[in-house]
Amino acid sequence: MGLYKTDTKKERALLIAAQIKGKSSSEKVKESLVELSNLSESAGAEPVKAFYQMLNRPQNTYIGSGKIIEIKNFIKKLDIDVSKVFYEKNRKK
């Protein structure tokens, strides 16, 4: 009787955080990314890269178009099959 390989490919996750300038700090962004990393690992994914953006004002897409292009190019360059994207936007309080 032969053995079967049961390893499964671990999902990879991109971490994305966006904060509003003046309402948050770079330290807060770093804290958000650590939290997102922990959440992605808890969900069984391996964090591949973290992106963040400090915005002048809220965006409809959470991040600006330039950052979206940067992320898209990163995904293409590394041929990443992105099934999960963890993001956090600045919440209104």
PDB file of N, CA and C in Angstrom:
ATOM      1  N   MET A   1       0.849  -1.175   0.000  1.00  0.00           N
ATOM      2  CA  MET A   1       0.000   0.000   0.000  1.00  0.00           C
ATOM      3  C   MET A   1       0.891   1.234   0.000  1.00  0.00           C
ATOM      4  N   GLY A   2       0.655   2.149  -0.948  1.00  0.00           N
ATOM      5  CA  GLY A   2       1.471   3.352  -1.079  1.00  0.00           C
ATOM      6  C   GLY A   2       0.960   4.485  -0.201  1.00  0.00           C
ATOM      7  N   LEU A   3       1.842   5.395   0.071  1.00  0.00           N
ATOM      8  CA  LEU A   3       1.472   6.580   0.840  1.00  0.00           C
ATOM      9  C   LEU A   3       1.063   7.696  -0.104  1.00  0.00           C
ATOM     10  N   TYR A   4       0.141   8.500   0.341  1.00  0.00           N
ATOM     11  CA  TYR A   4      -0.320   9.623  -0.450  1.00  0.00           C
ATOM     12  C   TYR A   4       0.154  10.926   0.183  1.00  0.00           C
ATOM     13  N   LYS A   5       0.577  11.821  -0.660  1.00  0.00           N
ATOM     14  CA  LYS A   5       0.995  13.131  -0.183  1.00  0.00           C
ATOM     15  C   LYS A   5      -0.261  13.923   0.176  1.00  0.00           C
ATOM     16  N   THR A   6      -0.319  14.420   1.391  1.00  0.00           N
ATOM     17  CA  THR A   6      -1.507  15.148   1.847  1.00  0.00           C
ATOM     18  C   THR A   6      -1.256  16.634   2.070  1.00  0.00           C
ATOM     19  N   ASP A   7      -0.057  17.089   1.692  1.00  0.00           N
ATOM     20  CA  ASP A   7       0.235  18.521   1.842  1.00  0.00           C
ATOM     21  C   ASP A   7      -0.712  19.330   0.977  1.00  0.00           C
ATOM     22  N   THR A   8      -1.176  20.397   1.527  1.00  0.00           N
ATOM     23  CA  THR A   8      -1.998  21.312   0.744  1.00  0.00           C
ATOM     24  C   THR A   8      -1.226  22.616   0.575  1.00  0.00           C
ATOM     25  N   LYS A   9      -1.447  23.249  -0.542  1.00  0.00           N
ATOM     26  CA  LYS A   9      -0.775  24.519  -0.804  1.00  0.00           C
ATOM     27  C   LYS A   9      -1.400  25.595   0.069  1.00  0.00           C
ATOM     28  N   LYS A  10      -0.576  26.261   0.827  1.00  0.00           N
ATOM     29  CA  LYS A  10      -1.055  27.308   1.722  1.00  0.00           C
ATOM     30  C   LYS A  10      -1.464  28.530   0.906  1.00  0.00           C
ATOM     31  N   GLU A  11      -2.617  29.079   1.224  1.00  0.00           N
ATOM     32  CA  GLU A  11      -3.067  30.282   0.543  1.00  0.00           C
ATOM     33  C   GLU A  11      -2.152  31.445   0.900  1.00  0.00           C
ATOM     34  N   ARG A  12      -1.978  32.338  -0.046  1.00  0.00           N
ATOM     35  CA  ARG A  12      -1.155  33.517   0.184  1.00  0.00           C
ATOM     36  C   ARG A  12      -2.068  34.734   0.256  1.00  0.00           C
ATOM     37  N   ALA A  13      -1.712  35.674   1.102  1.00  0.00           N
ATOM     38  CA  ALA A  13      -2.554  36.854   1.310  1.00  0.00           C
ATOM     39  C   ALA A  13      -1.750  38.131   1.135  1.00  0.00           C
ATOM     40  N   LEU A  14      -2.386  39.109   0.518  1.00  0.00           N
ATOM     41  CA  LEU A  14      -1.841  40.454   0.472  1.00  0.00           C
ATOM     42  C   LEU A  14      -2.530  41.247   1.559  1.00  0.00           C
ATOM     43  N   LEU A  15      -1.762  42.036   2.284  1.00  0.00           N
ATOM     44  CA  LEU A  15      -2.311  42.853   3.360  1.00  0.00           C
ATOM     45  C   LEU A  15      -2.337  44.302   2.900  1.00  0.00           C
ATOM     46  N   ILE A  16      -3.479  44.949   3.054  1.00  0.00           N
ATOM     47  CA  ILE A  16      -3.635  46.322   2.572  1.00  0.00           C
ATOM     48  C   ILE A  16      -4.270  47.159   3.662  1.00  0.00           C
ATOM     49  N   ALA A  17      -3.620  48.273   3.990  1.00  0.00           N
ATOM     50  CA  ALA A  17      -4.167  49.190   4.993  1.00  0.00           C
ATOM     51  C   ALA A  17      -4.165  50.598   4.419  1.00  0.00           C
ATOM     52  N   ALA A  18      -5.205  51.332   4.730  1.00  0.00           N
ATOM     53  CA  ALA A  18      -5.303  52.727   4.306  1.00  0.00           C
ATOM     54  C   ALA A  18      -5.792  53.549   5.485  1.00  0.00           C
ATOM     55  N   GLN A  19      -5.137  54.652   5.714  1.00  0.00           N
ATOM     56  CA  GLN A  19      -5.519  55.544   6.796  1.00  0.00           C
ATOM     57  C   GLN A  19      -5.592  56.964   6.254  1.00  0.00           C
ATOM     58  N   ILE A  20      -6.367  57.807   6.907  1.00  0.00           N
ATOM     59  CA  ILE A  20      -6.503  59.207   6.512  1.00  0.00           C
ATOM     60  C   ILE A  20      -5.448  60.039   7.246  1.00  0.00           C
ATOM     61  N   LYS A  21      -4.696  60.835   6.484  1.00  0.00           N
ATOM     62  CA  LYS A  21      -3.688  61.720   7.091  1.00  0.00           C
ATOM     63  C   LYS A  21      -4.370  62.659   8.074  1.00  0.00           C
ATOM     64  N   GLY A  22      -3.725  62.896   9.180  1.00  0.00           N
ATOM     65  CA  GLY A  22      -4.271  63.791  10.194  1.00  0.00           C
ATOM     66  C   GLY A  22      -5.202  63.091  11.165  1.00  0.00           C
ATOM     67  N   LYS A  23      -5.776  61.970  10.771  1.00  0.00           N
ATOM     68  CA  LYS A  23      -6.654  61.210  11.660  1.00  0.00           C
ATOM     69  C   LYS A  23      -5.955  59.963  12.174  1.00  0.00           C
ATOM     70  N   SER A  24      -4.782  59.696  11.628  1.00  0.00           N
ATOM     71  CA  SER A  24      -4.051  58.506  12.003  1.00  0.00           C
ATOM     72  C   SER A  24      -2.558  58.781  11.838  1.00  0.00           C
ATOM     73  N   SER A  25      -1.748  57.831  12.266  1.00  0.00           N
ATOM     74  CA  SER A  25      -0.299  57.974  12.162  1.00  0.00           C
ATOM     75  C   SER A  25       0.289  56.749  11.484  1.00  0.00           C
ATOM     76  N   SER A  26       1.543  56.846  11.081  1.00  0.00           N
ATOM     77  CA  SER A  26       2.202  55.695  10.467  1.00  0.00           C
ATOM     78  C   SER A  26       2.305  54.542  11.471  1.00  0.00           C
ATOM     79  N   GLU A  27       2.408  54.883  12.752  1.00  0.00           N
ATOM     80  CA  GLU A  27       2.441  53.841  13.791  1.00  0.00           C
ATOM     81  C   GLU A  27       1.122  53.064  13.815  1.00  0.00           C
ATOM     82  N   LYS A  28       0.013  53.771  13.655  1.00  0.00           N
ATOM     83  CA  LYS A  28      -1.303  53.131  13.629  1.00  0.00           C
ATOM     84  C   LYS A  28      -1.431  52.208  12.416  1.00  0.00           C
ATOM     85  N   VAL A  29      -0.876  52.642  11.273  1.00  0.00           N
ATOM     86  CA  VAL A  29      -0.899  51.810  10.070  1.00  0.00           C
ATOM     87  C   VAL A  29      -0.119  50.520  10.329  1.00  0.00           C
ATOM     88  N   LYS A  30       1.047  50.643  10.949  1.00  0.00           N
ATOM     89  CA  LYS A  30       1.859  49.462  11.255  1.00  0.00           C
ATOM     90  C   LYS A  30       1.108  48.518  12.182  1.00  0.00           C
ATOM     91  N   GLU A  31       0.415  49.062  13.187  1.00  0.00           N
ATOM     92  CA  GLU A  31      -0.386  48.237  14.087  1.00  0.00           C
ATOM     93  C   GLU A  31      -1.484  47.508  13.311  1.00  0.00           C
ATOM     94  N   SER A  32      -2.130  48.213  12.390  1.00  0.00           N
ATOM     95  CA  SER A  32      -3.182  47.601  11.573  1.00  0.00           C
ATOM     96  C   SER A  32      -2.629  46.449  10.748  1.00  0.00           C
ATOM     97  N   LEU A  33      -1.442  46.642  10.176  1.00  0.00           N
ATOM     98  CA  LEU A  33      -0.854  45.590   9.352  1.00  0.00           C
ATOM     99  C   LEU A  33      -0.450  44.376  10.179  1.00  0.00           C
ATOM    100  N   VAL A  34       0.014  44.601  11.395  1.00  0.00           N
ATOM    101  CA  VAL A  34       0.329  43.471  12.286  1.00  0.00           C
ATOM    102  C   VAL A  34      -0.950  42.704  12.596  1.00  0.00           C
ATOM    103  N   GLU A  35      -2.021  43.442  12.884  1.00  0.00           N
ATOM    104  CA  GLU A  35      -3.305  42.793  13.171  1.00  0.00           C
ATOM    105  C   GLU A  35      -3.803  42.009  11.954  1.00  0.00           C
ATOM    106  N   LEU A  36      -3.688  42.612  10.770  1.00  0.00           N
ATOM    107  CA  LEU A  36      -4.108  41.913   9.555  1.00  0.00           C
ATOM    108  C   LEU A  36      -3.264  40.670   9.309  1.00  0.00           C
ATOM    109  N   SER A  37      -1.978  40.752   9.582  1.00  0.00           N
ATOM    110  CA  SER A  37      -1.104  39.595   9.425  1.00  0.00           C
ATOM    111  C   SER A  37      -1.537  38.462  10.350  1.00  0.00           C
ATOM    112  N   ASN A  38      -1.810  38.814  11.600  1.00  0.00           N
ATOM    113  CA  ASN A  38      -2.273  37.799  12.555  1.00  0.00           C
ATOM    114  C   ASN A  38      -3.598  37.184  12.121  1.00  0.00           C
ATOM    115  N   LEU A  39      -4.515  38.017  11.623  1.00  0.00           N
ATOM    116  CA  LEU A  39      -5.806  37.513  11.161  1.00  0.00           C
ATOM    117  C   LEU A  39      -5.650  36.588   9.956  1.00  0.00           C
ATOM    118  N   SER A  40      -4.783  36.965   9.027  1.00  0.00           N
ATOM    119  CA  SER A  40      -4.598  36.124   7.840  1.00  0.00           C
ATOM    120  C   SER A  40      -3.974  34.783   8.213  1.00  0.00           C
ATOM    121  N   GLU A  41      -3.006  34.800   9.126  1.00  0.00           N
ATOM    122  CA  GLU A  41      -2.402  33.544   9.582  1.00  0.00           C
ATOM    123  C   GLU A  41      -3.425  32.681  10.309  1.00  0.00           C
ATOM    124  N   SER A  42      -4.279  33.308  11.109  1.00  0.00           N
ATOM    125  CA  SER A  42      -5.334  32.567  11.807  1.00  0.00           C
ATOM    126  C   SER A  42      -6.303  31.924  10.820  1.00  0.00           C
ATOM    127  N   ALA A  43      -6.482  32.577   9.668  1.00  0.00           N
ATOM    128  CA  ALA A  43      -7.376  32.048   8.635  1.00  0.00           C
ATOM    129  C   ALA A  43      -6.677  31.003   7.767  1.00  0.00           C
ATOM    130  N   GLY A  44      -5.400  30.749   8.051  1.00  0.00           N
ATOM    131  CA  GLY A  44      -4.665  29.718   7.332  1.00  0.00           C
ATOM    132  C   GLY A  44      -3.901  30.216   6.120  1.00  0.00           C
ATOM    133  N   ALA A  45      -3.778  31.521   5.982  1.00  0.00           N
ATOM    134  CA  ALA A  45      -3.064  32.086   4.836  1.00  0.00           C
ATOM    135  C   ALA A  45      -1.677  32.569   5.246  1.00  0.00           C
ATOM    136  N   GLU A  46      -0.805  32.623   4.270  1.00  0.00           N
ATOM    137  CA  GLU A  46       0.553  33.127   4.501  1.00  0.00           C
ATOM    138  C   GLU A  46       0.637  34.559   3.968  1.00  0.00           C
ATOM    139  N   PRO A  47       0.891  35.540   4.835  1.00  0.00           N
ATOM    140  CA  PRO A  47       1.040  36.911   4.350  1.00  0.00           C
ATOM    141  C   PRO A  47       2.259  37.014   3.427  1.00  0.00           C
ATOM    142  N   VAL A  48       2.041  37.537   2.233  1.00  0.00           N
ATOM    143  CA  VAL A  48       3.107  37.637   1.239  1.00  0.00           C
ATOM    144  C   VAL A  48       3.726  39.022   1.235  1.00  0.00           C
ATOM    145  N   LYS A  49       2.893  40.047   1.272  1.00  0.00           N
ATOM    146  CA  LYS A  49       3.388  41.412   1.234  1.00  0.00           C
ATOM    147  C   LYS A  49       2.325  42.325   1.827  1.00  0.00           C
ATOM    148  N   ALA A  50       2.794  43.402   2.427  1.00  0.00           N
ATOM    149  CA  ALA A  50       1.895  44.405   2.992  1.00  0.00           C
ATOM    150  C   ALA A  50       2.019  45.699   2.200  1.00  0.00           C
ATOM    151  N   PHE A  51       0.884  46.271   1.884  1.00  0.00           N
ATOM    152  CA  PHE A  51       0.823  47.569   1.219  1.00  0.00           C
ATOM    153  C   PHE A  51       0.063  48.512   2.133  1.00  0.00           C
ATOM    154  N   TYR A  52       0.463  49.780   2.145  1.00  0.00           N
ATOM    155  CA  TYR A  52      -0.328  50.751   2.891  1.00  0.00           C
ATOM    156  C   TYR A  52      -0.282  52.090   2.192  1.00  0.00           C
ATOM    157  N   GLN A  53      -1.288  52.894   2.487  1.00  0.00           N
ATOM    158  CA  GLN A  53      -1.354  54.212   1.896  1.00  0.00           C
ATOM    159  C   GLN A  53      -1.958  55.181   2.898  1.00  0.00           C
ATOM    160  N   MET A  54      -1.337  56.338   3.009  1.00  0.00           N
ATOM    161  CA  MET A  54      -1.889  57.428   3.801  1.00  0.00           C
ATOM    162  C   MET A  54      -2.638  58.337   2.829  1.00  0.00           C
ATOM    163  N   LEU A  55      -3.934  58.478   3.024  1.00  0.00           N
ATOM    164  CA  LEU A  55      -4.784  59.224   2.100  1.00  0.00           C
ATOM    165  C   LEU A  55      -5.067  60.632   2.603  1.00  0.00           C
ATOM    166  N   ASN A  56      -5.203  61.567   1.674  1.00  0.00           N
ATOM    167  CA  ASN A  56      -5.608  62.924   2.033  1.00  0.00           C
ATOM    168  C   ASN A  56      -7.091  62.975   2.391  1.00  0.00           C
ATOM    169  N   ARG A  57      -7.862  62.133   1.733  1.00  0.00           N
ATOM    170  CA  ARG A  57      -9.303  62.061   1.979  1.00  0.00           C
ATOM    171  C   ARG A  57      -9.765  60.651   1.646  1.00  0.00           C
ATOM    172  N   PRO A  58     -10.935  60.251   2.125  1.00  0.00           N
ATOM    173  CA  PRO A  58     -11.436  58.901   1.819  1.00  0.00           C
ATOM    174  C   PRO A  58     -11.610  58.686   0.308  1.00  0.00           C
ATOM    175  N   GLN A  59     -11.365  57.469  -0.124  1.00  0.00           N
ATOM    176  CA  GLN A  59     -11.519  57.080  -1.531  1.00  0.00           C
ATOM    177  C   GLN A  59     -12.659  56.078  -1.654  1.00  0.00           C
ATOM    178  N   ASN A  60     -13.333  56.087  -2.787  1.00  0.00           N
ATOM    179  CA  ASN A  60     -14.381  55.090  -3.024  1.00  0.00           C
ATOM    180  C   ASN A  60     -13.812  53.678  -3.080  1.00  0.00           C
ATOM    181  N   THR A  61     -12.572  53.552  -3.501  1.00  0.00           N
ATOM    182  CA  THR A  61     -11.943  52.241  -3.631  1.00  0.00           C
ATOM    183  C   THR A  61     -11.067  51.891  -2.422  1.00  0.00           C
ATOM    184  N   TYR A  62     -11.123  52.666  -1.365  1.00  0.00           N
ATOM    185  CA  TYR A  62     -10.330  52.496  -0.141  1.00  0.00           C
ATOM    186  C   TYR A  62      -8.876  52.900  -0.312  1.00  0.00           C
ATOM    187  N   ILE A  63      -8.308  52.676  -1.500  1.00  0.00           N
ATOM    188  CA  ILE A  63      -6.947  53.101  -1.787  1.00  0.00           C
ATOM    189  C   ILE A  63      -6.962  53.804  -3.147  1.00  0.00           C
ATOM    190  N   GLY A  64      -5.933  54.567  -3.425  1.00  0.00           N
ATOM    191  CA  GLY A  64      -5.874  55.309  -4.669  1.00  0.00           C
ATOM    192  C   GLY A  64      -5.561  54.435  -5.872  1.00  0.00           C
ATOM    193  N   SER A  65      -5.822  54.970  -7.054  1.00  0.00           N
ATOM    194  CA  SER A  65      -5.623  54.209  -8.294  1.00  0.00           C
ATOM    195  C   SER A  65      -4.159  53.832  -8.504  1.00  0.00           C
ATOM    196  N   GLY A  66      -3.226  54.704  -8.089  1.00  0.00           N
ATOM    197  CA  GLY A  66      -1.808  54.374  -8.216  1.00  0.00           C
ATOM    198  C   GLY A  66      -1.424  53.165  -7.373  1.00  0.00           C
ATOM    199  N   LYS A  67      -1.965  53.085  -6.160  1.00  0.00           N
ATOM    200  CA  LYS A  67      -1.672  51.943  -5.281  1.00  0.00           C
ATOM    201  C   LYS A  67      -2.295  50.668  -5.848  1.00  0.00           C
ATOM    202  N   ILE A  68      -3.481  50.799  -6.452  1.00  0.00           N
ATOM    203  CA  ILE A  68      -4.128  49.636  -7.078  1.00  0.00           C
ATOM    204  C   ILE A  68      -3.243  49.095  -8.205  1.00  0.00           C
ATOM    205  N   ILE A  69      -2.682  49.981  -9.011  1.00  0.00           N
ATOM    206  CA  ILE A  69      -1.791  49.564 -10.102  1.00  0.00           C
ATOM    207  C   ILE A  69      -0.538  48.899  -9.540  1.00  0.00           C
ATOM    208  N   GLU A  70       0.019  49.456  -8.462  1.00  0.00           N
ATOM    209  CA  GLU A  70       1.203  48.859  -7.824  1.00  0.00           C
ATOM    210  C   GLU A  70       0.903  47.434  -7.349  1.00  0.00           C
ATOM    211  N   ILE A  71      -0.238  47.242  -6.729  1.00  0.00           N
ATOM    212  CA  ILE A  71      -0.622  45.911  -6.235  1.00  0.00           C
ATOM    213  C   ILE A  71      -0.857  44.959  -7.405  1.00  0.00           C
ATOM    214  N   LYS A  72      -1.531  45.435  -8.422  1.00  0.00           N
ATOM    215  CA  LYS A  72      -1.799  44.613  -9.613  1.00  0.00           C
ATOM    216  C   LYS A  72      -0.491  44.150 -10.246  1.00  0.00           C
ATOM    217  N   ASN A  73       0.476  45.055 -10.385  1.00  0.00           N
ATOM    218  CA  ASN A  73       1.778  44.704 -10.969  1.00  0.00           C
ATOM    219  C   ASN A  73       2.525  43.699 -10.096  1.00  0.00           C
ATOM    220  N   PHE A  74       2.430  43.843  -8.776  1.00  0.00           N
ATOM    221  CA  PHE A  74       3.073  42.892  -7.861  1.00  0.00           C
ATOM    222  C   PHE A  74       2.471  41.499  -8.045  1.00  0.00           C
ATOM    223  N   ILE A  75       1.153  41.442  -8.160  1.00  0.00           N
ATOM    224  CA  ILE A  75       0.469  40.151  -8.341  1.00  0.00           C
ATOM    225  C   ILE A  75       0.920  39.495  -9.647  1.00  0.00           C
ATOM    226  N   LYS A  76       0.983  40.274 -10.723  1.00  0.00           N
ATOM    227  CA  LYS A  76       1.413  39.742 -12.018  1.00  0.00           C
ATOM    228  C   LYS A  76       2.866  39.294 -11.978  1.00  0.00           C
ATOM    229  N   LYS A  77       3.735  40.116 -11.383  1.00  0.00           N
ATOM    230  CA  LYS A  77       5.176  39.828 -11.341  1.00  0.00           C
ATOM    231  C   LYS A  77       5.459  38.493 -10.658  1.00  0.00           C
ATOM    232  N   LEU A  78       4.798  38.238  -9.554  1.00  0.00           N
ATOM    233  CA  LEU A  78       5.049  37.004  -8.810  1.00  0.00           C
ATOM    234  C   LEU A  78       4.063  35.890  -9.161  1.00  0.00           C
ATOM    235  N   ASP A  79       3.204  36.157 -10.139  1.00  0.00           N
ATOM    236  CA  ASP A  79       2.204  35.174 -10.569  1.00  0.00           C
ATOM    237  C   ASP A  79       1.445  34.607  -9.371  1.00  0.00           C
ATOM    238  N   ILE A  80       0.907  35.509  -8.590  1.00  0.00           N
ATOM    239  CA  ILE A  80       0.196  35.135  -7.376  1.00  0.00           C
ATOM    240  C   ILE A  80      -1.268  34.892  -7.690  1.00  0.00           C
ATOM    241  N   ASP A  81      -1.763  33.780  -7.216  1.00  0.00           N
ATOM    242  CA  ASP A  81      -3.195  33.507  -7.290  1.00  0.00           C
ATOM    243  C   ASP A  81      -3.786  34.036  -5.992  1.00  0.00           C
ATOM    244  N   VAL A  82      -4.333  35.228  -6.062  1.00  0.00           N
ATOM    245  CA  VAL A  82      -4.840  35.868  -4.851  1.00  0.00           C
ATOM    246  C   VAL A  82      -6.269  35.435  -4.614  1.00  0.00           C
ATOM    247  N   SER A  83      -6.473  34.707  -3.537  1.00  0.00           N
ATOM    248  CA  SER A  83      -7.826  34.296  -3.191  1.00  0.00           C
ATOM    249  C   SER A  83      -8.340  35.058  -1.978  1.00  0.00           C
ATOM    250  N   LYS A  84      -7.429  35.669  -1.241  1.00  0.00           N
ATOM    251  CA  LYS A  84      -7.830  36.447  -0.076  1.00  0.00           C
ATOM    252  C   LYS A  84      -7.038  37.743  -0.038  1.00  0.00           C
ATOM    253  N   VAL A  85      -7.738  38.813   0.191  1.00  0.00           N
ATOM    254  CA  VAL A  85      -7.093  40.101   0.405  1.00  0.00           C
ATOM    255  C   VAL A  85      -7.626  40.631   1.723  1.00  0.00           C
ATOM    256  N   PHE A  86      -6.733  40.890   2.653  1.00  0.00           N
ATOM    257  CA  PHE A  86      -7.117  41.430   3.947  1.00  0.00           C
ATOM    258  C   PHE A  86      -6.825  42.923   3.920  1.00  0.00           C
ATOM    259  N   TYR A  87      -7.802  43.708   4.245  1.00  0.00           N
ATOM    260  CA  TYR A  87      -7.585  45.144   4.260  1.00  0.00           C
ATOM    261  C   TYR A  87      -8.286  45.778   5.447  1.00  0.00           C
ATOM    262  N   GLU A  88      -7.795  46.934   5.796  1.00  0.00           N
ATOM    263  CA  GLU A  88      -8.432  47.699   6.852  1.00  0.00           C
ATOM    264  C   GLU A  88      -8.420  49.148   6.427  1.00  0.00           C
ATOM    265  N   LYS A  89      -9.567  49.767   6.504  1.00  0.00           N
ATOM    266  CA  LYS A  89      -9.627  51.190   6.194  1.00  0.00           C
ATOM    267  C   LYS A  89      -9.881  51.945   7.482  1.00  0.00           C
ATOM    268  N   ASN A  90      -9.572  53.202   7.463  1.00  0.00           N
ATOM    269  CA  ASN A  90      -9.785  54.049   8.628  1.00  0.00           C
ATOM    270  C   ASN A  90     -11.283  54.124   8.904  1.00  0.00           C
ATOM    271  N   ARG A  91     -11.687  53.702  10.065  1.00  0.00           N
ATOM    272  CA  ARG A  91     -13.112  53.712  10.430  1.00  0.00           C
ATOM    273  C   ARG A  91     -13.497  55.061  11.000  1.00  0.00           C
ATOM    274  N   LYS A  92     -14.683  55.514  10.646  1.00  0.00           N
ATOM    275  CA  LYS A  92     -15.185  56.761  11.256  1.00  0.00           C
ATOM    276  C   LYS A  92     -15.558  56.483  12.694  1.00  0.00           C
ATOM    277  N   LYS A  93     -15.238  57.404  13.569  1.00  0.00           N
ATOM    278  CA  LYS A  93     -15.563  57.227  14.990  1.00  0.00           C
ATOM    279  C   LYS A  93     -16.454  58.322  15.448  1.00  0.00           C
TER     280      LYS A  93
END
